Amino acid sequence: MRPSASQNWLLDAPDWIQNGPQWLNDIGYDIYKSFIFDNRYQMYLKGLGNTLLLTFLALLIGVLLGVVVSLIRVSWDKNHTEMHGPGKMALGFLNGVARVYLTVIRGTPMVVQLMIMYFVVFATSRNKIMVGALSFGINSGAYVAEIIRGGIMSIDQGQMEAGRSLGFGYVSTMRYIILPQAFKATLPTLANEFIVLLKETAVAGYVGLADITYAGNIIGGNCYDYLFPLLMSALIYLVLVMFFTFLVGRLERRLRNSER
């Protein structure tokens, strides 16, 4: 049943809608009740803000975690044959933990991880943004770790030897010579990981976080019509992805130009 406001919505519509065919009036009404009636567009704006905040926080956590995990794995792969004593045991233990983390996180669905974090690990917390950011950040960290590890492994071994010959230790060489080059090589891939992460946050509604998808779902339930609300959610994601894809393309071109 249409809300009472539907009786007057055509009065404010353009003439070409008021005097148009019935199918145009029906589409206009569907758009009106999905976006304008009861200021429902504000739910999309709130969802957009939550989605962007969640994505940026998760990416920050993912990059920090990914760098740590990748350094542990690379250090073990490159140095374990030359190490002895407690240092080798400690690094071996950390490498084992990192391998388990990568296997579990990449082998289980994101939505299951999110629900475990919200309903089990942080069952007493009501800060859905932070719980979501941790969940998506931990998930993203597993993929970022492998991206950065691949970037580090692609750097010529001579770079490490050159750093050591200049008097740098292993940590200093990784910090000042290897990691900057690895980040430059993997930056476009990391930017694409951000785009993937942006779309993955669409499952945040499973724990009641008011993101873009959640807004479309709630509005669809309120107006008994899911077509236009969900299409609007999809359109917002599409515009965001196209915008960030454009920025990634600009970044890739600038990096290519800087190598000439």
Protein backbone atom coordinates (compact mmCIF):
# COMPACT_ATOMS: atom_id res chain seq x y z
CA MET A 1 0.00 0.00 0.00
CA ARG A 2 1.37 3.41 -0.96
CA PRO A 3 2.08 5.94 1.78
CA SER A 4 -0.25 8.90 2.04
CA ALA A 5 2.44 11.18 0.58
CA SER A 6 2.08 9.34 -2.72
CA GLN A 7 -1.23 11.11 -3.33
CA ASN A 8 0.54 14.46 -3.64
CA TRP A 9 3.94 13.55 -5.00
CA LEU A 10 2.99 14.34 -8.61
CA LEU A 11 2.14 17.94 -7.68
CA ASP A 12 5.85 18.68 -7.27
CA ALA A 13 6.94 16.63 -10.27
CA PRO A 14 7.93 18.21 -13.61
CA ASP A 15 5.19 18.65 -16.23
CA TRP A 16 6.71 16.00 -18.48
CA ILE A 17 6.18 13.48 -15.68
CA GLN A 18 2.72 14.72 -14.64
CA ASN A 19 1.45 14.60 -18.19
CA GLY A 20 3.45 11.57 -19.25
CA PRO A 21 2.34 7.96 -19.70
CA GLN A 22 1.38 5.77 -16.76
CA TRP A 23 4.60 3.74 -16.86
CA LEU A 24 6.60 6.97 -16.45
CA ASN A 25 4.43 7.96 -13.48
CA ASP A 26 5.00 4.54 -11.92
CA ILE A 27 8.77 4.83 -12.31
CA GLY A 28 8.69 8.36 -10.93
CA TYR A 29 6.73 7.17 -7.92
CA ASP A 30 9.13 4.28 -7.32
CA ILE A 31 12.06 6.69 -7.40
CA TYR A 32 10.23 9.11 -5.12
CA LYS A 33 9.41 6.54 -2.46
CA SER A 34 12.90 5.01 -2.64
CA PHE A 35 14.94 8.21 -2.33
CA ILE A 36 12.88 11.29 -1.50
CA PHE A 37 9.97 10.24 0.72
CA ASP A 38 10.79 10.57 4.42
CA ASN A 39 14.31 11.85 3.47
CA ARG A 40 15.44 8.32 2.70
CA TYR A 41 18.38 9.62 0.69
CA GLN A 42 20.01 10.50 4.01
CA MET A 43 20.37 6.78 4.74
CA TYR A 44 22.45 6.44 1.58
CA LEU A 45 24.62 9.38 2.60
CA LYS A 46 25.18 7.86 6.04
CA GLY A 47 25.90 4.49 4.47
CA LEU A 48 28.39 6.07 2.06
CA GLY A 49 30.25 7.73 4.92
CA ASN A 50 30.36 4.50 6.94
CA THR A 51 31.53 2.50 3.92
CA LEU A 52 34.40 4.88 3.14
CA LEU A 53 35.45 5.13 6.80
CA LEU A 54 35.32 1.36 7.20
CA THR A 55 37.34 0.81 4.03
CA PHE A 56 40.08 3.32 4.89
CA LEU A 57 40.47 2.00 8.45
CA ALA A 58 40.54 -1.60 7.23
CA LEU A 59 43.12 -0.75 4.57
CA LEU A 60 45.35 0.95 7.17
CA ILE A 61 45.17 -2.09 9.44
CA GLY A 62 45.67 -4.42 6.49
CA VAL A 63 48.78 -2.62 5.23
CA LEU A 64 50.40 -2.49 8.69
CA LEU A 65 49.64 -6.15 9.34
CA GLY A 66 50.67 -7.13 5.81
CA VAL A 67 54.05 -5.42 6.12
CA VAL A 68 54.81 -7.22 9.39
CA VAL A 69 53.75 -10.63 8.08
CA SER A 70 55.60 -10.20 4.79
CA LEU A 71 58.83 -9.19 6.56
CA ILE A 72 58.61 -12.23 8.82
CA ARG A 73 58.13 -14.58 5.88
CA VAL A 74 60.82 -12.96 3.73
CA SER A 75 63.31 -12.91 6.61
CA TRP A 76 62.73 -16.61 7.23
CA ASP A 77 62.97 -17.56 3.56
CA LYS A 78 66.19 -15.61 3.03
CA ASN A 79 68.03 -16.17 6.31
CA HIS A 80 66.89 -19.35 8.08
CA THR A 81 69.71 -21.45 6.65
CA GLU A 82 72.29 -19.05 8.07
CA MET A 83 70.70 -18.55 11.49
CA HIS A 84 71.33 -20.55 14.67
CA GLY A 85 70.18 -20.63 18.25
CA PRO A 86 67.22 -18.82 19.87
CA GLY A 87 66.95 -16.25 17.08
CA LYS A 88 66.24 -18.95 14.52
CA MET A 89 63.71 -20.61 16.84
CA ALA A 90 61.89 -17.32 17.44
CA LEU A 91 61.79 -16.43 13.75
CA GLY A 92 60.68 -19.97 12.89
CA PHE A 93 57.83 -19.72 15.39
CA LEU A 94 56.73 -16.35 13.99
CA ASN A 95 56.93 -17.72 10.45
CA GLY A 96 54.76 -20.66 11.49
CA VAL A 97 52.17 -18.31 13.00
CA ALA A 98 52.25 -16.20 9.83
CA ARG A 99 51.68 -19.26 7.63
CA VAL A 100 48.74 -20.40 9.75
CA TYR A 101 47.28 -16.87 9.63
CA LEU A 102 47.56 -16.73 5.84
CA THR A 103 46.07 -20.19 5.41
CA VAL A 104 43.11 -19.64 7.72
CA ILE A 105 42.23 -16.11 6.59
CA ARG A 106 42.52 -16.82 2.87
CA GLY A 107 40.74 -20.15 3.21
CA THR A 108 37.57 -19.00 4.98
CA PRO A 109 34.78 -16.66 3.80
CA MET A 110 34.99 -13.00 4.79
CA VAL A 111 31.40 -12.93 6.05
CA VAL A 112 32.10 -15.83 8.44
CA GLN A 113 35.17 -14.04 9.81
CA LEU A 114 33.10 -10.87 10.30
CA MET A 115 30.37 -12.71 12.19
CA ILE A 116 32.88 -14.53 14.42
CA MET A 117 34.55 -11.22 15.28
CA TYR A 118 31.27 -9.45 16.05
CA PHE A 119 29.21 -12.18 17.70
CA VAL A 120 32.00 -14.11 19.45
CA VAL A 121 35.32 -12.27 19.88
CA PHE A 122 33.82 -8.80 20.46
CA ALA A 123 30.36 -9.91 21.60
CA THR A 124 30.23 -7.19 24.28
CA SER A 125 31.25 -4.37 21.92
CA ARG A 126 28.75 -2.18 20.11
CA ASN A 127 31.31 -0.24 18.11
CA LYS A 128 30.45 -1.80 14.77
CA ILE A 129 32.82 0.39 12.77
CA MET A 130 35.87 -0.69 14.77
CA VAL A 131 34.87 -4.36 14.83
CA GLY A 132 34.25 -4.21 11.10
CA ALA A 133 37.54 -2.41 10.47
CA LEU A 134 39.43 -5.06 12.44
CA SER A 135 37.65 -7.88 10.63
CA PHE A 136 38.21 -6.49 7.15
CA GLY A 137 41.71 -5.30 8.06
CA ILE A 138 42.78 -8.75 9.28
CA ASN A 139 41.33 -10.28 6.12
CA SER A 140 42.97 -7.73 3.84
CA GLY A 141 46.28 -8.08 5.68
CA ALA A 142 46.64 -11.66 4.46
CA TYR A 143 46.42 -10.57 0.83
CA VAL A 144 48.53 -7.44 1.34
CA ALA A 145 51.23 -9.59 2.97
CA GLU A 146 51.54 -11.75 -0.12
CA ILE A 147 51.52 -8.69 -2.40
CA ILE A 148 54.34 -7.03 -0.46
CA ARG A 149 56.26 -10.31 -0.11
CA GLY A 150 56.13 -10.71 -3.88
CA GLY A 151 57.38 -7.13 -4.27
CA ILE A 152 60.29 -7.71 -1.89
CA MET A 153 61.26 -10.98 -3.56
CA SER A 154 61.26 -9.22 -6.95
CA ILE A 155 64.02 -6.83 -5.82
CA ASP A 156 67.43 -7.94 -7.04
CA GLN A 157 69.53 -9.64 -4.38
CA GLY A 158 72.33 -7.25 -5.27
CA GLN A 159 70.39 -4.44 -3.59
CA MET A 160 70.62 -6.21 -0.26
CA GLU A 161 74.33 -6.95 -0.78
CA ALA A 162 74.98 -3.33 -1.74
CA GLY A 163 73.28 -2.12 1.44
CA ARG A 164 75.25 -4.51 3.61
CA SER A 165 78.50 -3.44 1.92
CA LEU A 166 77.71 0.17 2.85
CA GLY A 167 77.56 -0.78 6.50
CA PHE A 168 73.79 -1.14 6.88
CA GLY A 169 72.44 -3.99 8.97
CA TYR A 170 69.72 -6.31 7.71
CA VAL A 171 66.91 -4.25 9.27
CA SER A 172 68.29 -0.92 8.03
CA THR A 173 68.79 -2.30 4.52
CA MET A 174 65.19 -3.54 4.42
CA ARG A 175 63.91 -0.23 5.78
CA TYR A 176 65.82 2.23 3.63
CA ILE A 177 66.58 0.29 0.44
CA ILE A 178 64.38 -2.77 -0.13
CA LEU A 179 60.97 -1.73 1.24
CA PRO A 180 60.78 1.63 -0.62
CA GLN A 181 61.45 -0.15 -3.92
CA ALA A 182 59.01 -2.94 -3.08
CA PHE A 183 56.28 -0.42 -2.22
CA LYS A 184 56.80 1.39 -5.50
CA ALA A 185 56.57 -1.87 -7.42
CA THR A 186 53.43 -3.02 -5.63
CA LEU A 187 51.63 0.31 -5.22
CA PRO A 188 49.21 -0.21 -8.15
CA THR A 189 48.37 -3.70 -6.84
CA LEU A 190 47.82 -2.32 -3.34
CA ALA A 191 45.54 0.35 -4.80
CA ASN A 192 43.54 -2.36 -6.54
CA GLU A 193 43.33 -4.22 -3.23
CA PHE A 194 41.70 -1.09 -1.82
CA ILE A 195 39.04 -1.26 -4.56
CA VAL A 196 38.42 -4.94 -3.84
CA LEU A 197 38.18 -4.16 -0.13
CA LEU A 198 35.66 -1.39 -0.85
CA LYS A 199 33.33 -3.87 -2.52
CA GLU A 200 33.89 -6.54 0.13
CA THR A 201 32.56 -4.22 2.84
CA ALA A 202 29.09 -4.76 1.33
CA VAL A 203 28.70 -7.75 3.70
CA ALA A 204 29.02 -5.48 6.76
CA GLY A 205 25.23 -5.37 6.97
CA TYR A 206 25.30 -8.92 8.36
CA VAL A 207 26.22 -7.40 11.73
CA GLY A 208 23.88 -4.43 11.34
CA LEU A 209 26.48 -1.89 10.24
CA ALA A 210 24.67 0.82 8.29
CA ASP A 211 26.68 0.80 5.08
CA ILE A 212 25.46 1.41 1.51
CA THR A 213 24.04 -2.09 1.00
CA TYR A 214 22.37 -2.06 4.40
CA ALA A 215 20.68 1.26 3.56
CA GLY A 216 19.31 -0.13 0.29
CA ASN A 217 18.05 -3.25 2.05
CA ILE A 218 16.29 -1.31 4.81
CA ILE A 219 14.69 1.15 2.38
CA GLY A 220 13.55 -1.73 0.17
CA GLY A 221 11.84 -3.34 3.14
CA ASN A 222 10.16 -0.08 4.14
CA CYS A 223 8.71 0.63 0.71
CA TYR A 224 8.04 -3.03 -0.21
CA ASP A 225 10.10 -2.70 -3.37
CA TYR A 226 13.77 -3.68 -3.53
CA LEU A 227 14.48 -2.88 -7.18
CA PHE A 228 15.29 0.83 -7.05
CA PRO A 229 16.88 0.86 -3.55
CA LEU A 230 19.28 -1.95 -4.46
CA LEU A 231 19.95 -0.43 -7.88
CA MET A 232 20.86 2.80 -6.10
CA SER A 233 23.26 0.90 -3.82
CA ALA A 234 24.85 -0.77 -6.84
CA LEU A 235 25.13 2.58 -8.62
CA ILE A 236 26.94 4.17 -5.68
CA TYR A 237 29.45 1.31 -5.57
CA LEU A 238 29.91 1.54 -9.34
CA VAL A 239 30.65 5.28 -9.19
CA LEU A 240 33.10 4.78 -6.32
CA VAL A 241 34.90 1.95 -8.10
CA MET A 242 35.10 3.91 -11.36
CA PHE A 243 36.49 6.94 -9.49
CA PHE A 244 39.16 4.98 -7.62
CA THR A 245 40.00 2.95 -10.74
CA PHE A 246 40.63 6.25 -12.52
CA LEU A 247 42.96 7.33 -9.71
CA VAL A 248 44.79 3.99 -9.84
CA GLY A 249 45.25 4.43 -13.60
CA ARG A 250 46.72 7.89 -13.07
CA LEU A 251 49.03 6.46 -10.42
CA GLU A 252 50.24 3.69 -12.71
CA ARG A 253 50.95 6.13 -15.55
CA ARG A 254 52.90 8.41 -13.21
CA LEU A 255 54.97 5.50 -11.93
CA ARG A 256 55.74 4.40 -15.49
CA ASN A 257 56.77 7.92 -16.45
CA SER A 258 59.06 8.18 -13.42
CA GLU A 259 60.94 5.07 -14.54
CA ARG A 260 61.90 6.57 -17.91
